[in-house]
Amino acid sequence: MFKSRWRRFGVMNSILVALIAGFIAQTGLIWYLQIKLVKFIAKSMAILDQNIAQAATNLVEGAQAVAVDPPNPMQMMIMQLLQQRISGPPRDQTGKFIEQSISSKD
């Protein structure tokens, strides 16, 4: 009777050892796969970064190659007129407004 009890514990211990070994093996496999996945993602991000940089460089170089039309003289005159109106009345060195005479032509 005493021997059969130890046999049961022996079987239970071997099952327990097998379960623990399986758990350790699975944990190791998960860690290994996780490390490989992180390395793969880092490598992919570096490649993606290089591709984006190359695309941006090509875009900028392509934009410089496009011929730009010179500004229209009429548009330049309108722009200068608007800038003069936006700047407001003339001022002196101290910042006070300069009095201007208004002449009317009749």
C-alpha atoms as a PDB file:
ATOM      1  CA  MET A   1       0.000   0.000   0.000  1.00  0.00           C
ATOM      2  CA  PHE A   2       2.783   2.375   0.849  1.00  0.00           C
ATOM      3  CA  LYS A   3       4.499   1.667  -2.476  1.00  0.00           C
ATOM      4  CA  SER A   4       1.417   2.341  -4.600  1.00  0.00           C
ATOM      5  CA  ARG A   5       1.028   5.779  -3.045  1.00  0.00           C
ATOM      6  CA  TRP A   6       4.562   6.737  -4.109  1.00  0.00           C
ATOM      7  CA  ARG A   7       3.884   5.430  -7.574  1.00  0.00           C
ATOM      8  CA  ARG A   8       0.975   7.811  -7.934  1.00  0.00           C
ATOM      9  CA  PHE A   9       3.108  10.704  -6.772  1.00  0.00           C
ATOM     10  CA  GLY A  10       5.828   9.590  -9.181  1.00  0.00           C
ATOM     11  CA  VAL A  11       3.412   9.751 -12.093  1.00  0.00           C
ATOM     12  CA  MET A  12       2.050  13.081 -10.897  1.00  0.00           C
ATOM     13  CA  ASN A  13       5.556  14.464 -10.511  1.00  0.00           C
ATOM     14  CA  SER A  14       6.519  13.408 -14.024  1.00  0.00           C
ATOM     15  CA  ILE A  15       3.350  15.020 -15.390  1.00  0.00           C
ATOM     16  CA  LEU A  16       4.090  18.169 -13.405  1.00  0.00           C
ATOM     17  CA  VAL A  17       7.679  18.249 -14.658  1.00  0.00           C
ATOM     18  CA  ALA A  18       6.457  17.785 -18.232  1.00  0.00           C
ATOM     19  CA  LEU A  19       3.954  20.628 -17.832  1.00  0.00           C
ATOM     20  CA  ILE A  20       6.567  22.957 -16.364  1.00  0.00           C
ATOM     21  CA  ALA A  21       9.029  22.061 -19.138  1.00  0.00           C
ATOM     22  CA  GLY A  22       6.335  22.707 -21.752  1.00  0.00           C
ATOM     23  CA  PHE A  23       5.483  26.053 -20.154  1.00  0.00           C
ATOM     24  CA  ILE A  24       9.153  27.080 -20.113  1.00  0.00           C
ATOM     25  CA  ALA A  25       9.558  25.981 -23.752  1.00  0.00           C
ATOM     26  CA  GLN A  26       6.466  27.954 -24.830  1.00  0.00           C
ATOM     27  CA  THR A  27       7.617  31.032 -22.925  1.00  0.00           C
ATOM     28  CA  GLY A  28      11.041  30.818 -24.549  1.00  0.00           C
ATOM     29  CA  LEU A  29       9.471  30.397 -27.976  1.00  0.00           C
ATOM     30  CA  ILE A  30       7.220  33.433 -27.424  1.00  0.00           C
ATOM     31  CA  TRP A  31      10.187  35.569 -26.318  1.00  0.00           C
ATOM     32  CA  TYR A  32      12.220  34.433 -29.322  1.00  0.00           C
ATOM     33  CA  LEU A  33       9.380  35.221 -31.732  1.00  0.00           C
ATOM     34  CA  GLN A  34       8.777  38.570 -30.055  1.00  0.00           C
ATOM     35  CA  ILE A  35      12.428  39.558 -30.457  1.00  0.00           C
ATOM     36  CA  LYS A  36      12.358  38.494 -34.126  1.00  0.00           C
ATOM     37  CA  LEU A  37       9.145  40.484 -34.668  1.00  0.00           C
ATOM     38  CA  VAL A  38      10.612  43.626 -33.082  1.00  0.00           C
ATOM     39  CA  LYS A  39      13.715  43.337 -35.285  1.00  0.00           C
ATOM     40  CA  PHE A  40      11.539  42.823 -38.384  1.00  0.00           C
ATOM     41  CA  ILE A  41       9.404  45.873 -37.546  1.00  0.00           C
ATOM     42  CA  ALA A  42      12.502  48.017 -36.916  1.00  0.00           C
ATOM     43  CA  LYS A  43      14.022  46.921 -40.231  1.00  0.00           C
ATOM     44  CA  SER A  44      10.752  47.575 -42.067  1.00  0.00           C
ATOM     45  CA  MET A  45      10.445  51.029 -40.504  1.00  0.00           C
ATOM     46  CA  ALA A  46      13.999  51.887 -41.610  1.00  0.00           C
ATOM     47  CA  ILE A  47      13.190  50.808 -45.175  1.00  0.00           C
ATOM     48  CA  LEU A  48       9.934  52.766 -45.092  1.00  0.00           C
ATOM     49  CA  ASP A  49      11.786  55.833 -43.793  1.00  0.00           C
ATOM     50  CA  GLN A  50      14.284  55.595 -46.644  1.00  0.00           C
ATOM     51  CA  ASN A  51      11.496  55.222 -49.206  1.00  0.00           C
ATOM     52  CA  ILE A  52       9.648  58.261 -47.842  1.00  0.00           C
ATOM     53  CA  ALA A  53      12.856  60.312 -47.849  1.00  0.00           C
ATOM     54  CA  GLN A  54      13.582  59.276 -51.440  1.00  0.00           C
ATOM     55  CA  ALA A  55      10.033  60.159 -52.507  1.00  0.00           C
ATOM     56  CA  ALA A  56      10.267  63.569 -50.817  1.00  0.00           C
ATOM     57  CA  THR A  57      13.641  64.220 -52.487  1.00  0.00           C
ATOM     58  CA  ASN A  58      12.244  63.254 -55.891  1.00  0.00           C
ATOM     59  CA  LEU A  59       9.234  65.479 -55.320  1.00  0.00           C
ATOM     60  CA  VAL A  60      11.365  68.500 -54.396  1.00  0.00           C
ATOM     61  CA  GLU A  61      13.729  67.951 -57.321  1.00  0.00           C
ATOM     62  CA  GLY A  62      10.763  67.579 -59.662  1.00  0.00           C
ATOM     63  CA  ALA A  63       9.191  70.781 -58.359  1.00  0.00           C
ATOM     64  CA  GLN A  64      12.408  72.713 -59.011  1.00  0.00           C
ATOM     65  CA  ALA A  65      12.512  71.468 -62.584  1.00  0.00           C
ATOM     66  CA  VAL A  66       9.060  72.888 -63.341  1.00  0.00           C
ATOM     67  CA  ALA A  67       9.316  76.241 -65.122  1.00  0.00           C
ATOM     68  CA  VAL A  68       7.616  79.019 -63.167  1.00  0.00           C
ATOM     69  CA  ASP A  69       5.982  81.841 -65.099  1.00  0.00           C
ATOM     70  CA  PRO A  70       7.281  85.326 -64.324  1.00  0.00           C
ATOM     71  CA  PRO A  71       4.856  87.530 -62.382  1.00  0.00           C
ATOM     72  CA  ASN A  72       2.298  89.496 -64.353  1.00  0.00           C
ATOM     73  CA  PRO A  73       3.158  93.265 -64.377  1.00  0.00           C
ATOM     74  CA  MET A  74      -0.496  94.192 -63.800  1.00  0.00           C
ATOM     75  CA  GLN A  75      -0.654  91.920 -60.765  1.00  0.00           C
ATOM     76  CA  MET A  76       2.550  93.490 -59.422  1.00  0.00           C
ATOM     77  CA  MET A  77       1.061  97.002 -59.716  1.00  0.00           C
ATOM     78  CA  ILE A  78      -2.131  95.928 -57.935  1.00  0.00           C
ATOM     79  CA  MET A  79      -0.046  94.278 -55.199  1.00  0.00           C
ATOM     80  CA  GLN A  80       2.002  97.467 -54.668  1.00  0.00           C
ATOM     81  CA  LEU A  81      -1.165  99.557 -54.533  1.00  0.00           C
ATOM     82  CA  LEU A  82      -2.682  97.260 -51.930  1.00  0.00           C
ATOM     83  CA  GLN A  83       0.518  97.309 -49.861  1.00  0.00           C
ATOM     84  CA  GLN A  84       0.493 101.120 -49.845  1.00  0.00           C
ATOM     85  CA  ARG A  85      -3.132 101.199 -48.721  1.00  0.00           C
ATOM     86  CA  ILE A  86      -2.576  98.595 -46.024  1.00  0.00           C
ATOM     87  CA  SER A  87       0.460 100.392 -44.604  1.00  0.00           C
ATOM     88  CA  GLY A  88      -1.752 103.358 -43.634  1.00  0.00           C
ATOM     89  CA  PRO A  89      -0.951 107.062 -43.581  1.00  0.00           C
ATOM     90  CA  PRO A  90       2.728 108.112 -43.539  1.00  0.00           C
ATOM     91  CA  ARG A  91       4.472 108.699 -40.188  1.00  0.00           C
ATOM     92  CA  ASP A  92       7.587 110.568 -39.106  1.00  0.00           C
ATOM     93  CA  GLN A  93      10.590 109.244 -37.129  1.00  0.00           C
ATOM     94  CA  THR A  94       8.753 109.439 -33.801  1.00  0.00           C
ATOM     95  CA  GLY A  95       5.757 107.535 -35.093  1.00  0.00           C
ATOM     96  CA  LYS A  96       3.384 110.507 -35.312  1.00  0.00           C
ATOM     97  CA  PHE A  97       1.216 110.958 -38.373  1.00  0.00           C
ATOM     98  CA  ILE A  98       2.455 113.416 -40.984  1.00  0.00           C
ATOM     99  CA  GLU A  99      -0.084 116.009 -42.062  1.00  0.00           C
ATOM    100  CA  GLN A 100      -0.821 115.887 -45.752  1.00  0.00           C
ATOM    101  CA  SER A 101      -2.610 118.478 -47.768  1.00  0.00           C
ATOM    102  CA  ILE A 102      -5.508 117.307 -49.850  1.00  0.00           C
ATOM    103  CA  SER A 103      -5.829 119.078 -53.149  1.00  0.00           C
ATOM    104  CA  SER A 104      -8.919 118.805 -55.207  1.00  0.00           C
ATOM    105  CA  LYS A 105      -8.886 119.354 -58.915  1.00  0.00           C
ATOM    106  CA  ASP A 106     -11.995 121.088 -60.218  1.00  0.00           C
END
